[in-house]
Amino acid sequence: MKQTSMSDFENSLRKRTTKREEFLRAMDAFIPWAVWISLIEPYYPAGKRERKPRGIEIMLRMYLLQCWFNLSDEAVEEAIYDSHAFRMFMGINFFDEQVPDATALLKFRHLEV
């Protein structure tokens, strides 16, 4: 069961959504996540030698935010903490998990095909 934070509750009472939220909702509905994940999966590390990597979908979503909004690795990590729209697109609830760090995104971008 997903726990609602005070921030989520406060944002649900707003009368208007931002252009950023509208864009991210449209992209979330448009992108065939299962297909994209299945294309990346053969190249994604299983975590046998290092720490277990974050899920492919969450890393893909972080990477897309980085590309769409022209952000550095560190800036996209910071923006997810700052922006409710980014956090909702990522599907991150701070009660359950944290934002992947910039190093994790760097490793995801440099997957070897």
N, C-alpha and C. Protein backbone atom coordinates (compact mmCIF):
# COMPACT_ATOMS: atom_id res chain seq x y z
N MET A 1 0.83 -1.17 0.00
CA MET A 1 0.00 0.00 0.00
C MET A 1 0.88 1.25 0.00
N LYS A 2 0.59 2.17 -0.90
CA LYS A 2 1.38 3.39 -1.00
C LYS A 2 0.94 4.38 0.06
N GLN A 3 1.90 4.87 0.82
CA GLN A 3 1.61 5.83 1.87
C GLN A 3 1.69 7.24 1.28
N THR A 4 0.71 8.07 1.57
CA THR A 4 0.68 9.44 1.07
C THR A 4 1.39 10.36 2.03
N SER A 5 2.28 11.17 1.48
CA SER A 5 3.01 12.12 2.31
C SER A 5 2.22 13.42 2.39
N MET A 6 2.61 14.30 3.29
CA MET A 6 1.97 15.61 3.40
C MET A 6 2.17 16.40 2.12
N SER A 7 3.33 16.26 1.51
CA SER A 7 3.62 16.95 0.26
C SER A 7 2.68 16.49 -0.86
N ASP A 8 2.46 15.17 -0.95
CA ASP A 8 1.53 14.63 -1.95
C ASP A 8 0.12 15.16 -1.70
N PHE A 9 -0.29 15.17 -0.45
CA PHE A 9 -1.62 15.66 -0.10
C PHE A 9 -1.75 17.14 -0.47
N GLU A 10 -0.75 17.92 -0.11
CA GLU A 10 -0.77 19.36 -0.39
C GLU A 10 -0.85 19.61 -1.91
N ASN A 11 -0.06 18.85 -2.68
CA ASN A 11 -0.08 19.03 -4.13
C ASN A 11 -1.39 18.58 -4.76
N SER A 12 -2.07 17.63 -4.15
CA SER A 12 -3.36 17.18 -4.69
C SER A 12 -4.44 18.25 -4.56
N LEU A 13 -4.25 19.22 -3.70
CA LEU A 13 -5.23 20.29 -3.49
C LEU A 13 -5.03 21.48 -4.43
N ARG A 14 -3.99 21.46 -5.22
CA ARG A 14 -3.75 22.57 -6.14
C ARG A 14 -4.85 22.63 -7.20
N LYS A 15 -5.13 23.82 -7.70
CA LYS A 15 -6.19 24.00 -8.69
C LYS A 15 -5.67 23.84 -10.12
N ARG A 16 -4.40 23.84 -10.30
CA ARG A 16 -3.83 23.81 -11.64
C ARG A 16 -2.61 22.91 -11.68
N THR A 17 -2.38 22.29 -12.85
CA THR A 17 -1.16 21.50 -13.03
C THR A 17 -0.21 22.31 -13.92
N THR A 18 1.06 22.07 -13.74
CA THR A 18 2.06 22.81 -14.51
C THR A 18 2.25 22.16 -15.88
N LYS A 19 2.86 22.91 -16.78
CA LYS A 19 3.19 22.38 -18.11
C LYS A 19 4.13 21.19 -17.98
N ARG A 20 5.05 21.26 -17.02
CA ARG A 20 5.98 20.16 -16.79
C ARG A 20 5.23 18.90 -16.39
N GLU A 21 4.27 19.02 -15.48
CA GLU A 21 3.47 17.87 -15.06
C GLU A 21 2.68 17.30 -16.23
N GLU A 22 2.08 18.16 -17.05
CA GLU A 22 1.32 17.70 -18.21
C GLU A 22 2.23 16.95 -19.18
N PHE A 23 3.41 17.49 -19.42
CA PHE A 23 4.37 16.84 -20.33
C PHE A 23 4.77 15.47 -19.78
N LEU A 24 5.10 15.40 -18.52
CA LEU A 24 5.56 14.14 -17.93
C LEU A 24 4.44 13.10 -17.89
N ARG A 25 3.22 13.51 -17.62
CA ARG A 25 2.09 12.57 -17.67
C ARG A 25 1.89 12.04 -19.08
N ALA A 26 1.98 12.91 -20.07
CA ALA A 26 1.81 12.49 -21.47
C ALA A 26 2.91 11.50 -21.87
N MET A 27 4.14 11.79 -21.49
CA MET A 27 5.25 10.91 -21.83
C MET A 27 5.12 9.57 -21.11
N ASP A 28 4.68 9.60 -19.87
CA ASP A 28 4.49 8.37 -19.11
C ASP A 28 3.45 7.48 -19.78
N ALA A 29 2.41 8.09 -20.30
CA ALA A 29 1.36 7.32 -20.98
C ALA A 29 1.79 6.85 -22.37
N PHE A 30 2.64 7.62 -23.02
CA PHE A 30 3.04 7.36 -24.40
C PHE A 30 4.14 6.31 -24.54
N ILE A 31 5.09 6.31 -23.63
CA ILE A 31 6.27 5.43 -23.75
C ILE A 31 5.89 3.98 -23.45
N PRO A 32 6.29 3.06 -24.32
CA PRO A 32 6.04 1.63 -24.07
C PRO A 32 7.11 1.08 -23.12
N TRP A 33 6.91 1.29 -21.82
CA TRP A 33 7.92 0.96 -20.81
C TRP A 33 8.38 -0.48 -20.89
N ALA A 34 7.46 -1.42 -21.01
CA ALA A 34 7.83 -2.84 -21.02
C ALA A 34 8.75 -3.17 -22.19
N VAL A 35 8.48 -2.57 -23.34
CA VAL A 35 9.32 -2.82 -24.53
C VAL A 35 10.71 -2.24 -24.31
N TRP A 36 10.79 -1.01 -23.84
CA TRP A 36 12.09 -0.38 -23.62
C TRP A 36 12.90 -1.13 -22.58
N ILE A 37 12.25 -1.56 -21.52
CA ILE A 37 12.95 -2.30 -20.46
C ILE A 37 13.48 -3.62 -21.00
N SER A 38 12.69 -4.29 -21.82
CA SER A 38 13.13 -5.58 -22.38
C SER A 38 14.32 -5.40 -23.31
N LEU A 39 14.45 -4.24 -23.95
CA LEU A 39 15.60 -3.97 -24.82
C LEU A 39 16.87 -3.72 -24.01
N ILE A 40 16.73 -3.13 -22.84
CA ILE A 40 17.89 -2.80 -21.99
C ILE A 40 18.32 -3.99 -21.13
N GLU A 41 17.37 -4.81 -20.75
CA GLU A 41 17.61 -5.90 -19.78
C GLU A 41 18.81 -6.80 -20.09
N PRO A 42 19.03 -7.22 -21.35
CA PRO A 42 20.18 -8.10 -21.60
C PRO A 42 21.54 -7.45 -21.28
N TYR A 43 21.59 -6.13 -21.25
CA TYR A 43 22.85 -5.42 -21.01
C TYR A 43 22.97 -4.87 -19.60
N TYR A 44 21.94 -5.03 -18.81
CA TYR A 44 21.92 -4.47 -17.47
C TYR A 44 22.58 -5.43 -16.49
N PRO A 45 23.47 -4.94 -15.64
CA PRO A 45 24.17 -5.84 -14.70
C PRO A 45 23.21 -6.49 -13.70
N ALA A 46 23.52 -7.72 -13.36
CA ALA A 46 22.70 -8.47 -12.41
C ALA A 46 23.11 -8.21 -10.96
N GLY A 47 24.23 -7.52 -10.77
CA GLY A 47 24.68 -7.22 -9.42
C GLY A 47 25.39 -8.36 -8.75
N LYS A 48 25.98 -9.26 -9.52
CA LYS A 48 26.67 -10.41 -8.93
C LYS A 48 28.02 -10.03 -8.35
N ARG A 49 28.71 -9.06 -8.98
CA ARG A 49 30.04 -8.67 -8.50
C ARG A 49 30.01 -7.40 -7.66
N GLU A 50 29.05 -6.53 -7.92
CA GLU A 50 28.97 -5.27 -7.20
C GLU A 50 27.67 -5.23 -6.41
N ARG A 51 27.38 -4.05 -5.85
CA ARG A 51 26.11 -3.92 -5.16
C ARG A 51 24.97 -4.06 -6.18
N LYS A 52 23.82 -4.47 -5.72
CA LYS A 52 22.69 -4.70 -6.60
C LYS A 52 22.25 -3.37 -7.22
N PRO A 53 22.13 -3.32 -8.55
CA PRO A 53 21.75 -2.06 -9.20
C PRO A 53 20.26 -1.75 -8.99
N ARG A 54 19.91 -0.48 -9.17
CA ARG A 54 18.51 -0.08 -9.08
C ARG A 54 17.76 -0.67 -10.27
N GLY A 55 16.45 -0.68 -10.20
CA GLY A 55 15.64 -1.22 -11.27
C GLY A 55 15.84 -0.48 -12.59
N ILE A 56 15.69 -1.19 -13.68
CA ILE A 56 15.89 -0.60 -15.00
C ILE A 56 14.92 0.55 -15.23
N GLU A 57 13.66 0.37 -14.88
CA GLU A 57 12.67 1.41 -15.17
C GLU A 57 12.98 2.71 -14.45
N ILE A 58 13.36 2.63 -13.19
CA ILE A 58 13.64 3.86 -12.45
C ILE A 58 14.87 4.57 -13.02
N MET A 59 15.87 3.79 -13.45
CA MET A 59 17.06 4.40 -14.05
C MET A 59 16.74 4.99 -15.42
N LEU A 60 15.90 4.31 -16.19
CA LEU A 60 15.49 4.81 -17.50
C LEU A 60 14.71 6.12 -17.34
N ARG A 61 13.81 6.16 -16.37
CA ARG A 61 13.05 7.38 -16.13
C ARG A 61 13.97 8.54 -15.72
N MET A 62 14.96 8.26 -14.90
CA MET A 62 15.91 9.29 -14.49
C MET A 62 16.71 9.78 -15.68
N TYR A 63 17.14 8.86 -16.53
CA TYR A 63 17.89 9.21 -17.72
C TYR A 63 17.05 10.08 -18.67
N LEU A 64 15.79 9.75 -18.84
CA LEU A 64 14.92 10.54 -19.71
C LEU A 64 14.72 11.94 -19.16
N LEU A 65 14.54 12.08 -17.86
CA LEU A 65 14.45 13.41 -17.27
C LEU A 65 15.70 14.22 -17.56
N GLN A 66 16.84 13.56 -17.44
CA GLN A 66 18.11 14.22 -17.71
C GLN A 66 18.15 14.75 -19.14
N CYS A 67 17.74 13.92 -20.08
CA CYS A 67 17.77 14.31 -21.50
C CYS A 67 16.75 15.41 -21.80
N TRP A 68 15.53 15.23 -21.35
CA TRP A 68 14.46 16.18 -21.66
C TRP A 68 14.71 17.56 -21.09
N PHE A 69 15.33 17.63 -19.92
CA PHE A 69 15.51 18.91 -19.25
C PHE A 69 16.96 19.37 -19.23
N ASN A 70 17.82 18.68 -20.01
CA ASN A 70 19.21 19.08 -20.18
C ASN A 70 19.93 19.28 -18.85
N LEU A 71 19.95 18.23 -18.03
CA LEU A 71 20.53 18.30 -16.69
C LEU A 71 21.75 17.40 -16.59
N SER A 72 22.69 17.78 -15.75
CA SER A 72 23.84 16.93 -15.46
C SER A 72 23.38 15.80 -14.54
N ASP A 73 24.27 14.83 -14.31
CA ASP A 73 23.93 13.73 -13.40
C ASP A 73 23.54 14.24 -12.02
N GLU A 74 24.35 15.14 -11.49
CA GLU A 74 24.09 15.68 -10.15
C GLU A 74 22.83 16.55 -10.15
N ALA A 75 22.63 17.31 -11.23
CA ALA A 75 21.47 18.21 -11.29
C ALA A 75 20.15 17.45 -11.38
N VAL A 76 20.12 16.33 -12.11
CA VAL A 76 18.87 15.57 -12.19
C VAL A 76 18.56 14.92 -10.84
N GLU A 77 19.59 14.45 -10.15
CA GLU A 77 19.37 13.89 -8.81
C GLU A 77 18.76 14.96 -7.90
N GLU A 78 19.34 16.14 -7.91
CA GLU A 78 18.85 17.25 -7.09
C GLU A 78 17.44 17.67 -7.50
N ALA A 79 17.17 17.71 -8.80
CA ALA A 79 15.86 18.13 -9.30
C ALA A 79 14.75 17.17 -8.88
N ILE A 80 15.07 15.88 -8.80
CA ILE A 80 14.07 14.91 -8.37
C ILE A 80 13.71 15.15 -6.90
N TYR A 81 14.69 15.49 -6.09
CA TYR A 81 14.39 15.82 -4.70
C TYR A 81 13.55 17.10 -4.61
N ASP A 82 13.82 18.06 -5.49
CA ASP A 82 13.15 19.36 -5.45
C ASP A 82 11.77 19.39 -6.09
N SER A 83 11.58 18.65 -7.17
CA SER A 83 10.37 18.78 -7.98
C SER A 83 9.36 17.67 -7.72
N HIS A 84 8.17 18.08 -7.36
CA HIS A 84 7.09 17.11 -7.16
C HIS A 84 6.76 16.40 -8.47
N ALA A 85 6.75 17.13 -9.58
CA ALA A 85 6.45 16.53 -10.89
C ALA A 85 7.49 15.46 -11.24
N PHE A 86 8.76 15.74 -11.01
CA PHE A 86 9.81 14.76 -11.30
C PHE A 86 9.65 13.52 -10.41
N ARG A 87 9.37 13.75 -9.14
CA ARG A 87 9.23 12.64 -8.20
C ARG A 87 8.05 11.75 -8.58
N MET A 88 6.95 12.35 -9.02
CA MET A 88 5.78 11.57 -9.43
C MET A 88 6.10 10.77 -10.70
N PHE A 89 6.81 11.38 -11.64
CA PHE A 89 7.20 10.68 -12.86
C PHE A 89 8.10 9.48 -12.54
N MET A 90 9.00 9.68 -11.60
CA MET A 90 9.91 8.61 -11.20
C MET A 90 9.19 7.53 -10.39
N GLY A 91 8.07 7.88 -9.76
CA GLY A 91 7.36 6.92 -8.92
C GLY A 91 8.05 6.69 -7.59
N ILE A 92 8.75 7.71 -7.12
CA ILE A 92 9.51 7.58 -5.86
C ILE A 92 8.69 8.15 -4.71
N ASN A 93 8.59 7.36 -3.67
CA ASN A 93 7.97 7.76 -2.43
C ASN A 93 9.08 7.68 -1.38
N PHE A 94 9.41 8.79 -0.78
CA PHE A 94 10.54 8.82 0.15
C PHE A 94 10.34 7.96 1.39
N PHE A 95 9.13 7.50 1.64
CA PHE A 95 8.91 6.56 2.74
C PHE A 95 9.55 5.20 2.42
N ASP A 96 9.60 4.87 1.11
CA ASP A 96 10.05 3.54 0.69
C ASP A 96 11.46 3.50 0.11
N GLU A 97 11.86 4.55 -0.60
CA GLU A 97 13.16 4.52 -1.27
C GLU A 97 13.68 5.92 -1.50
N GLN A 98 14.94 5.99 -1.90
CA GLN A 98 15.58 7.26 -2.18
C GLN A 98 15.86 7.38 -3.68
N VAL A 99 16.21 8.56 -4.09
CA VAL A 99 16.56 8.82 -5.48
C VAL A 99 17.90 8.15 -5.77
N PRO A 100 18.02 7.48 -6.94
CA PRO A 100 19.34 6.94 -7.30
C PRO A 100 20.36 8.07 -7.36
N ASP A 101 21.58 7.80 -6.95
CA ASP A 101 22.58 8.87 -6.95
C ASP A 101 23.15 9.09 -8.35
N ALA A 102 23.90 10.17 -8.48
CA ALA A 102 24.47 10.56 -9.78
C ALA A 102 25.40 9.49 -10.35
N THR A 103 26.11 8.79 -9.50
CA THR A 103 27.02 7.73 -9.95
C THR A 103 26.24 6.57 -10.58
N ALA A 104 25.10 6.23 -10.00
CA ALA A 104 24.27 5.16 -10.56
C ALA A 104 23.78 5.56 -11.96
N LEU A 105 23.42 6.83 -12.13
CA LEU A 105 22.98 7.30 -13.45
C LEU A 105 24.13 7.27 -14.44
N LEU A 106 25.32 7.65 -14.01
CA LEU A 106 26.49 7.60 -14.87
C LEU A 106 26.74 6.18 -15.36
N LYS A 107 26.67 5.21 -14.46
CA LYS A 107 26.88 3.81 -14.85
C LYS A 107 25.78 3.33 -15.79
N PHE A 108 24.54 3.78 -15.58
CA PHE A 108 23.44 3.40 -16.46
C PHE A 108 23.67 3.97 -17.86
N ARG A 109 24.09 5.21 -17.95
CA ARG A 109 24.34 5.83 -19.27
C ARG A 109 25.46 5.13 -20.02
N HIS A 110 26.39 4.53 -19.30
CA HIS A 110 27.56 3.91 -19.93
C HIS A 110 27.46 2.38 -20.03
N LEU A 111 26.23 1.87 -20.07
CA LEU A 111 26.08 0.43 -20.27
C LEU A 111 26.74 0.02 -21.57
N GLU A 112 27.43 -1.10 -21.55
CA GLU A 112 28.11 -1.57 -22.76
C GLU A 112 27.20 -2.51 -23.52
N VAL A 113 27.03 -2.19 -24.78
CA VAL A 113 26.18 -2.98 -25.66
C VAL A 113 27.03 -3.92 -26.48
